[in-house]
Amino acid sequence: MDKIKFVTDEGETVEFYVEEQTRVNGTDYLLVTDSMDDEANAYILKDSSEETEADYVMVEDDVELEAMSKVFSQMMDDVDIEM
């Protein structure tokens, strides 16, 4: 399983496990978890870069978050994504 490093708004570096990835309307999204446990917290990140190097940010818009949660739920039949 791939891991990525994410820098929070406070400047803290956190490692996430990449569970799934997809592209919707030209934007790359990642479904990540903070651990490999069954009770891990899941987050959806999107690439906000305009350059070649990816720059992921947390999806915070409720409508976008709900839509992407549905996409990832369909991609991963055995996973229940709760918001």
PDB file of N, CA and C in Angstrom:
ATOM      1  N   MET A   1       0.854  -1.170   0.000  1.00  0.00           N
ATOM      2  CA  MET A   1       0.000   0.000   0.000  1.00  0.00           C
ATOM      3  C   MET A   1       0.905   1.240   0.000  1.00  0.00           C
ATOM      4  N   ASP A   2       0.583   2.190  -0.852  1.00  0.00           N
ATOM      5  CA  ASP A   2       1.352   3.425  -0.938  1.00  0.00           C
ATOM      6  C   ASP A   2       1.068   4.328   0.255  1.00  0.00           C
ATOM      7  N   LYS A   3       2.076   5.099   0.625  1.00  0.00           N
ATOM      8  CA  LYS A   3       1.914   6.111   1.669  1.00  0.00           C
ATOM      9  C   LYS A   3       2.306   7.461   1.081  1.00  0.00           C
ATOM     10  N   ILE A   4       1.639   8.514   1.556  1.00  0.00           N
ATOM     11  CA  ILE A   4       2.014   9.861   1.163  1.00  0.00           C
ATOM     12  C   ILE A   4       2.196  10.691   2.418  1.00  0.00           C
ATOM     13  N   LYS A   5       2.990  11.737   2.290  1.00  0.00           N
ATOM     14  CA  LYS A   5       3.160  12.687   3.384  1.00  0.00           C
ATOM     15  C   LYS A   5       2.306  13.902   3.074  1.00  0.00           C
ATOM     16  N   PHE A   6       1.588  14.349   4.091  1.00  0.00           N
ATOM     17  CA  PHE A   6       0.677  15.478   3.967  1.00  0.00           C
ATOM     18  C   PHE A   6       1.054  16.502   5.026  1.00  0.00           C
ATOM     19  N   VAL A   7       1.165  17.761   4.633  1.00  0.00           N
ATOM     20  CA  VAL A   7       1.492  18.827   5.577  1.00  0.00           C
ATOM     21  C   VAL A   7       0.206  19.563   5.923  1.00  0.00           C
ATOM     22  N   THR A   8      -0.135  19.574   7.217  1.00  0.00           N
ATOM     23  CA  THR A   8      -1.353  20.229   7.686  1.00  0.00           C
ATOM     24  C   THR A   8      -1.186  21.746   7.650  1.00  0.00           C
ATOM     25  N   ASP A   9      -2.284  22.456   7.874  1.00  0.00           N
ATOM     26  CA  ASP A   9      -2.243  23.926   7.926  1.00  0.00           C
ATOM     27  C   ASP A   9      -1.336  24.427   9.041  1.00  0.00           C
ATOM     28  N   GLU A  10      -1.145  23.601  10.068  1.00  0.00           N
ATOM     29  CA  GLU A  10      -0.289  23.966  11.195  1.00  0.00           C
ATOM     30  C   GLU A  10       1.178  23.628  10.930  1.00  0.00           C
ATOM     31  N   GLY A  11       1.471  23.063   9.767  1.00  0.00           N
ATOM     32  CA  GLY A  11       2.848  22.724   9.412  1.00  0.00           C
ATOM     33  C   GLY A  11       3.292  21.347   9.868  1.00  0.00           C
ATOM     34  N   GLU A  12       2.388  20.566  10.434  1.00  0.00           N
ATOM     35  CA  GLU A  12       2.710  19.208  10.887  1.00  0.00           C
ATOM     36  C   GLU A  12       2.671  18.248   9.699  1.00  0.00           C
ATOM     37  N   THR A  13       3.654  17.369   9.600  1.00  0.00           N
ATOM     38  CA  THR A  13       3.685  16.362   8.544  1.00  0.00           C
ATOM     39  C   THR A  13       3.054  15.076   9.047  1.00  0.00           C
ATOM     40  N   VAL A  14       2.064  14.581   8.290  1.00  0.00           N
ATOM     41  CA  VAL A  14       1.316  13.374   8.647  1.00  0.00           C
ATOM     42  C   VAL A  14       1.424  12.396   7.476  1.00  0.00           C
ATOM     43  N   GLU A  15       1.591  11.116   7.799  1.00  0.00           N
ATOM     44  CA  GLU A  15       1.598  10.095   6.757  1.00  0.00           C
ATOM     45  C   GLU A  15       0.225   9.461   6.639  1.00  0.00           C
ATOM     46  N   PHE A  16      -0.226   9.311   5.409  1.00  0.00           N
ATOM     47  CA  PHE A  16      -1.498   8.653   5.129  1.00  0.00           C
ATOM     48  C   PHE A  16      -1.258   7.462   4.217  1.00  0.00           C
ATOM     49  N   TYR A  17      -2.119   6.454   4.353  1.00  0.00           N
ATOM     50  CA  TYR A  17      -2.114   5.291   3.480  1.00  0.00           C
ATOM     51  C   TYR A  17      -3.117   5.533   2.351  1.00  0.00           C
ATOM     52  N   VAL A  18      -2.686   5.376   1.121  1.00  0.00           N
ATOM     53  CA  VAL A  18      -3.564   5.585  -0.031  1.00  0.00           C
ATOM     54  C   VAL A  18      -4.375   4.309  -0.264  1.00  0.00           C
ATOM     55  N   GLU A  19      -5.672   4.424  -0.070  1.00  0.00           N
ATOM     56  CA  GLU A  19      -6.580   3.286  -0.246  1.00  0.00           C
ATOM     57  C   GLU A  19      -7.069   3.174  -1.687  1.00  0.00           C
ATOM     58  N   GLU A  20      -7.328   4.326  -2.308  1.00  0.00           N
ATOM     59  CA  GLU A  20      -7.869   4.335  -3.668  1.00  0.00           C
ATOM     60  C   GLU A  20      -7.608   5.715  -4.267  1.00  0.00           C
ATOM     61  N   GLN A  21      -7.606   5.781  -5.583  1.00  0.00           N
ATOM     62  CA  GLN A  21      -7.465   7.064  -6.259  1.00  0.00           C
ATOM     63  C   GLN A  21      -8.325   7.075  -7.508  1.00  0.00           C
ATOM     64  N   THR A  22      -8.741   8.285  -7.912  1.00  0.00           N
ATOM     65  CA  THR A  22      -9.571   8.425  -9.098  1.00  0.00           C
ATOM     66  C   THR A  22      -9.418   9.828  -9.658  1.00  0.00           C
ATOM     67  N   ARG A  23      -9.913  10.010 -10.859  1.00  0.00           N
ATOM     68  CA  ARG A  23      -9.916  11.331 -11.495  1.00  0.00           C
ATOM     69  C   ARG A  23     -11.351  11.632 -11.902  1.00  0.00           C
ATOM     70  N   VAL A  24     -11.851  12.800 -11.493  1.00  0.00           N
ATOM     71  CA  VAL A  24     -13.201  13.229 -11.826  1.00  0.00           C
ATOM     72  C   VAL A  24     -13.114  14.647 -12.373  1.00  0.00           C
ATOM     73  N   ASN A  25     -13.662  14.850 -13.550  1.00  0.00           N
ATOM     74  CA  ASN A  25     -13.656  16.167 -14.197  1.00  0.00           C
ATOM     75  C   ASN A  25     -12.266  16.794 -14.229  1.00  0.00           C
ATOM     76  N   GLY A  26     -11.251  15.982 -14.489  1.00  0.00           N
ATOM     77  CA  GLY A  26      -9.889  16.483 -14.624  1.00  0.00           C
ATOM     78  C   GLY A  26      -9.153  16.715 -13.317  1.00  0.00           C
ATOM     79  N   THR A  27      -9.772  16.394 -12.180  1.00  0.00           N
ATOM     80  CA  THR A  27      -9.144  16.573 -10.866  1.00  0.00           C
ATOM     81  C   THR A  27      -8.856  15.203 -10.262  1.00  0.00           C
ATOM     82  N   ASP A  28      -7.640  15.029  -9.755  1.00  0.00           N
ATOM     83  CA  ASP A  28      -7.254  13.780  -9.097  1.00  0.00           C
ATOM     84  C   ASP A  28      -7.670  13.812  -7.636  1.00  0.00           C
ATOM     85  N   TYR A  29      -8.243  12.696  -7.171  1.00  0.00           N
ATOM     86  CA  TYR A  29      -8.671  12.545  -5.780  1.00  0.00           C
ATOM     87  C   TYR A  29      -8.036  11.295  -5.189  1.00  0.00           C
ATOM     88  N   LEU A  30      -7.739  11.355  -3.895  1.00  0.00           N
ATOM     89  CA  LEU A  30      -7.228  10.210  -3.160  1.00  0.00           C
ATOM     90  C   LEU A  30      -8.136   9.930  -1.974  1.00  0.00           C
ATOM     91  N   LEU A  31      -8.401   8.653  -1.722  1.00  0.00           N
ATOM     92  CA  LEU A  31      -9.028   8.222  -0.471  1.00  0.00           C
ATOM     93  C   LEU A  31      -7.889   7.693   0.376  1.00  0.00           C
ATOM     94  N   VAL A  32      -7.656   8.328   1.526  1.00  0.00           N
ATOM     95  CA  VAL A  32      -6.537   7.946   2.388  1.00  0.00           C
ATOM     96  C   VAL A  32      -7.039   7.626   3.785  1.00  0.00           C
ATOM     97  N   THR A  33      -6.238   6.842   4.528  1.00  0.00           N
ATOM     98  CA  THR A  33      -6.536   6.545   5.927  1.00  0.00           C
ATOM     99  C   THR A  33      -5.314   6.878   6.769  1.00  0.00           C
ATOM    100  N   ASP A  34      -5.559   7.083   8.067  1.00  0.00           N
ATOM    101  CA  ASP A  34      -4.458   7.443   8.958  1.00  0.00           C
ATOM    102  C   ASP A  34      -3.792   6.227   9.597  1.00  0.00           C
ATOM    103  N   SER A  35      -4.329   5.038   9.353  1.00  0.00           N
ATOM    104  CA  SER A  35      -3.703   3.806   9.838  1.00  0.00           C
ATOM    105  C   SER A  35      -4.239   2.643   9.019  1.00  0.00           C
ATOM    106  N   MET A  36      -3.706   1.464   9.283  1.00  0.00           N
ATOM    107  CA  MET A  36      -4.176   0.276   8.568  1.00  0.00           C
ATOM    108  C   MET A  36      -5.202  -0.503   9.382  1.00  0.00           C
ATOM    109  N   ASP A  37      -5.619   0.031  10.528  1.00  0.00           N
ATOM    110  CA  ASP A  37      -6.603  -0.608  11.387  1.00  0.00           C
ATOM    111  C   ASP A  37      -7.996  -0.562  10.755  1.00  0.00           C
ATOM    112  N   ASP A  38      -8.867  -1.461  11.222  1.00  0.00           N
ATOM    113  CA  ASP A  38     -10.252  -1.457  10.757  1.00  0.00           C
ATOM    114  C   ASP A  38     -10.994  -0.192  11.173  1.00  0.00           C
ATOM    115  N   GLU A  39     -10.554   0.427  12.245  1.00  0.00           N
ATOM    116  CA  GLU A  39     -11.209   1.631  12.769  1.00  0.00           C
ATOM    117  C   GLU A  39     -10.482   2.911  12.345  1.00  0.00           C
ATOM    118  N   ALA A  40      -9.750   2.870  11.251  1.00  0.00           N
ATOM    119  CA  ALA A  40      -8.982   4.022  10.785  1.00  0.00           C
ATOM    120  C   ALA A  40      -9.904   5.150  10.340  1.00  0.00           C
ATOM    121  N   ASN A  41      -9.432   6.375  10.467  1.00  0.00           N
ATOM    122  CA  ASN A  41     -10.135   7.541   9.952  1.00  0.00           C
ATOM    123  C   ASN A  41      -9.802   7.693   8.476  1.00  0.00           C
ATOM    124  N   ALA A  42     -10.812   7.974   7.664  1.00  0.00           N
ATOM    125  CA  ALA A  42     -10.613   8.149   6.230  1.00  0.00           C
ATOM    126  C   ALA A  42     -10.783   9.618   5.864  1.00  0.00           C
ATOM    127  N   TYR A  43     -10.013  10.042   4.872  1.00  0.00           N
ATOM    128  CA  TYR A  43     -10.056  11.416   4.396  1.00  0.00           C
ATOM    129  C   TYR A  43     -10.011  11.386   2.872  1.00  0.00           C
ATOM    130  N   ILE A  44     -10.595  12.407   2.266  1.00  0.00           N
ATOM    131  CA  ILE A  44     -10.527  12.544   0.819  1.00  0.00           C
ATOM    132  C   ILE A  44      -9.700  13.786   0.518  1.00  0.00           C
ATOM    133  N   LEU A  45      -8.659  13.580  -0.292  1.00  0.00           N
ATOM    134  CA  LEU A  45      -7.771  14.668  -0.693  1.00  0.00           C
ATOM    135  C   LEU A  45      -7.941  14.911  -2.175  1.00  0.00           C
ATOM    136  N   LYS A  46      -7.741  16.167  -2.596  1.00  0.00           N
ATOM    137  CA  LYS A  46      -7.768  16.447  -4.030  1.00  0.00           C
ATOM    138  C   LYS A  46      -6.517  17.223  -4.407  1.00  0.00           C
ATOM    139  N   ASP A  47      -6.087  17.019  -5.638  1.00  0.00           N
ATOM    140  CA  ASP A  47      -4.902  17.687  -6.160  1.00  0.00           C
ATOM    141  C   ASP A  47      -5.289  19.089  -6.594  1.00  0.00           C
ATOM    142  N   SER A  48      -4.725  20.089  -5.925  1.00  0.00           N
ATOM    143  CA  SER A  48      -5.044  21.478  -6.238  1.00  0.00           C
ATOM    144  C   SER A  48      -3.917  22.156  -7.008  1.00  0.00           C
ATOM    145  N   SER A  49      -2.940  21.384  -7.456  1.00  0.00           N
ATOM    146  CA  SER A  49      -1.785  21.972  -8.135  1.00  0.00           C
ATOM    147  C   SER A  49      -2.127  22.379  -9.562  1.00  0.00           C
ATOM    148  N   GLU A  50      -1.392  23.340 -10.018  1.00  0.00           N
ATOM    149  CA  GLU A  50      -1.491  23.741 -11.415  1.00  0.00           C
ATOM    150  C   GLU A  50      -0.174  23.431 -12.116  1.00  0.00           C
ATOM    151  N   GLU A  51       0.718  22.802 -11.399  1.00  0.00           N
ATOM    152  CA  GLU A  51       2.038  22.448 -11.910  1.00  0.00           C
ATOM    153  C   GLU A  51       2.102  20.928 -12.073  1.00  0.00           C
ATOM    154  N   THR A  52       3.281  20.419 -12.357  1.00  0.00           N
ATOM    155  CA  THR A  52       3.421  18.980 -12.553  1.00  0.00           C
ATOM    156  C   THR A  52       3.457  18.210 -11.241  1.00  0.00           C
ATOM    157  N   GLU A  53       3.936  18.816 -10.155  1.00  0.00           N
ATOM    158  CA  GLU A  53       3.999  18.129  -8.860  1.00  0.00           C
ATOM    159  C   GLU A  53       2.670  18.262  -8.127  1.00  0.00           C
ATOM    160  N   ALA A  54       2.143  17.143  -7.662  1.00  0.00           N
ATOM    161  CA  ALA A  54       0.847  17.133  -6.977  1.00  0.00           C
ATOM    162  C   ALA A  54       0.912  17.916  -5.674  1.00  0.00           C
ATOM    163  N   ASP A  55      -0.168  18.641  -5.389  1.00  0.00           N
ATOM    164  CA  ASP A  55      -0.319  19.388  -4.145  1.00  0.00           C
ATOM    165  C   ASP A  55      -1.718  19.075  -3.622  1.00  0.00           C
ATOM    166  N   TYR A  56      -1.796  18.128  -2.688  1.00  0.00           N
ATOM    167  CA  TYR A  56      -3.091  17.666  -2.206  1.00  0.00           C
ATOM    168  C   TYR A  56      -3.585  18.492  -1.024  1.00  0.00           C
ATOM    169  N   VAL A  57      -4.893  18.747  -1.029  1.00  0.00           N
ATOM    170  CA  VAL A  57      -5.569  19.452   0.061  1.00  0.00           C
ATOM    171  C   VAL A  57      -6.771  18.614   0.474  1.00  0.00           C
ATOM    172  N   MET A  58      -7.208  18.776   1.721  1.00  0.00           N
ATOM    173  CA  MET A  58      -8.404  18.082   2.206  1.00  0.00           C
ATOM    174  C   MET A  58      -9.635  18.642   1.500  1.00  0.00           C
ATOM    175  N   VAL A  59     -10.542  17.762   1.115  1.00  0.00           N
ATOM    176  CA  VAL A  59     -11.816  18.193   0.557  1.00  0.00           C
ATOM    177  C   VAL A  59     -12.688  18.628   1.726  1.00  0.00           C
ATOM    178  N   GLU A  60     -13.083  19.897   1.732  1.00  0.00           N
ATOM    179  CA  GLU A  60     -13.869  20.437   2.846  1.00  0.00           C
ATOM    180  C   GLU A  60     -15.273  20.853   2.435  1.00  0.00           C
ATOM    181  N   ASP A  61     -15.499  21.053   1.139  1.00  0.00           N
ATOM    182  CA  ASP A  61     -16.814  21.431   0.655  1.00  0.00           C
ATOM    183  C   ASP A  61     -17.762  20.246   0.832  1.00  0.00           C
ATOM    184  N   ASP A  62     -18.873  20.461   1.533  1.00  0.00           N
ATOM    185  CA  ASP A  62     -19.797  19.369   1.862  1.00  0.00           C
ATOM    186  C   ASP A  62     -20.358  18.663   0.633  1.00  0.00           C
ATOM    187  N   VAL A  63     -20.702  19.413  -0.395  1.00  0.00           N
ATOM    188  CA  VAL A  63     -21.275  18.815  -1.603  1.00  0.00           C
ATOM    189  C   VAL A  63     -20.223  17.974  -2.318  1.00  0.00           C
ATOM    190  N   GLU A  64     -19.022  18.518  -2.465  1.00  0.00           N
ATOM    191  CA  GLU A  64     -17.938  17.786  -3.111  1.00  0.00           C
ATOM    192  C   GLU A  64     -17.553  16.552  -2.300  1.00  0.00           C
ATOM    193  N   LEU A  65     -17.507  16.696  -0.980  1.00  0.00           N
ATOM    194  CA  LEU A  65     -17.156  15.583  -0.100  1.00  0.00           C
ATOM    195  C   LEU A  65     -18.174  14.451  -0.216  1.00  0.00           C
ATOM    196  N   GLU A  66     -19.453  14.790  -0.215  1.00  0.00           N
ATOM    197  CA  GLU A  66     -20.497  13.769  -0.333  1.00  0.00           C
ATOM    198  C   GLU A  66     -20.423  13.071  -1.691  1.00  0.00           C
ATOM    199  N   ALA A  67     -20.221  13.837  -2.749  1.00  0.00           N
ATOM    200  CA  ALA A  67     -20.131  13.260  -4.093  1.00  0.00           C
ATOM    201  C   ALA A  67     -18.941  12.316  -4.206  1.00  0.00           C
ATOM    202  N   MET A  68     -17.787  12.725  -3.704  1.00  0.00           N
ATOM    203  CA  MET A  68     -16.597  11.892  -3.796  1.00  0.00           C
ATOM    204  C   MET A  68     -16.696  10.683  -2.871  1.00  0.00           C
ATOM    205  N   SER A  69     -17.377  10.816  -1.747  1.00  0.00           N
ATOM    206  CA  SER A  69     -17.601   9.675  -0.857  1.00  0.00           C
ATOM    207  C   SER A  69     -18.394   8.593  -1.585  1.00  0.00           C
ATOM    208  N   LYS A  70     -19.402   9.010  -2.345  1.00  0.00           N
ATOM    209  CA  LYS A  70     -20.194   8.060  -3.115  1.00  0.00           C
ATOM    210  C   LYS A  70     -19.352   7.382  -4.187  1.00  0.00           C
ATOM    211  N   VAL A  71     -18.502   8.160  -4.864  1.00  0.00           N
ATOM    212  CA  VAL A  71     -17.639   7.594  -5.904  1.00  0.00           C
ATOM    213  C   VAL A  71     -16.727   6.529  -5.301  1.00  0.00           C
ATOM    214  N   PHE A  72     -16.060   6.869  -4.192  1.00  0.00           N
ATOM    215  CA  PHE A  72     -15.143   5.911  -3.577  1.00  0.00           C
ATOM    216  C   PHE A  72     -15.887   4.709  -2.996  1.00  0.00           C
ATOM    217  N   SER A  73     -17.086   4.904  -2.473  1.00  0.00           N
ATOM    218  CA  SER A  73     -17.876   3.781  -1.962  1.00  0.00           C
ATOM    219  C   SER A  73     -18.201   2.791  -3.075  1.00  0.00           C
ATOM    220  N   GLN A  74     -18.530   3.313  -4.247  1.00  0.00           N
ATOM    221  CA  GLN A  74     -18.829   2.446  -5.383  1.00  0.00           C
ATOM    222  C   GLN A  74     -17.580   1.717  -5.858  1.00  0.00           C
ATOM    223  N   MET A  75     -16.436   2.382  -5.792  1.00  0.00           N
ATOM    224  CA  MET A  75     -15.186   1.758  -6.229  1.00  0.00           C
ATOM    225  C   MET A  75     -14.747   0.647  -5.283  1.00  0.00           C
ATOM    226  N   MET A  76     -15.073   0.800  -3.998  1.00  0.00           N
ATOM    227  CA  MET A  76     -14.643  -0.150  -2.976  1.00  0.00           C
ATOM    228  C   MET A  76     -15.884  -0.772  -2.351  1.00  0.00           C
ATOM    229  N   ASP A  77     -16.411  -1.793  -2.970  1.00  0.00           N
ATOM    230  CA  ASP A  77     -17.670  -2.411  -2.560  1.00  0.00           C
ATOM    231  C   ASP A  77     -17.709  -2.821  -1.090  1.00  0.00           C
ATOM    232  N   ASP A  78     -16.571  -3.236  -0.525  1.00  0.00           N
ATOM    233  CA  ASP A  78     -16.569  -3.765   0.837  1.00  0.00           C
ATOM    234  C   ASP A  78     -16.275  -2.709   1.901  1.00  0.00           C
ATOM    235  N   VAL A  79     -16.290  -1.449   1.519  1.00  0.00           N
ATOM    236  CA  VAL A  79     -15.963  -0.383   2.470  1.00  0.00           C
ATOM    237  C   VAL A  79     -17.175   0.530   2.648  1.00  0.00           C
ATOM    238  N   ASP A  80     -17.479   0.856   3.893  1.00  0.00           N
ATOM    239  CA  ASP A  80     -18.563   1.783   4.205  1.00  0.00           C
ATOM    240  C   ASP A  80     -17.930   3.108   4.625  1.00  0.00           C
ATOM    241  N   ILE A  81     -18.126   4.135   3.833  1.00  0.00           N
ATOM    242  CA  ILE A  81     -17.552   5.437   4.143  1.00  0.00           C
ATOM    243  C   ILE A  81     -18.609   6.279   4.829  1.00  0.00           C
ATOM    244  N   GLU A  82     -18.345   6.625   6.083  1.00  0.00           N
ATOM    245  CA  GLU A  82     -19.281   7.448   6.846  1.00  0.00           C
ATOM    246  C   GLU A  82     -18.736   8.858   6.925  1.00  0.00           C
ATOM    247  N   MET A  83     -19.637   9.822   6.827  1.00  0.00           N
ATOM    248  CA  MET A  83     -19.227  11.225   6.907  1.00  0.00           C
ATOM    249  C   MET A  83     -19.577  11.792   8.258  1.00  0.00           C
TER     250      MET A  83
END
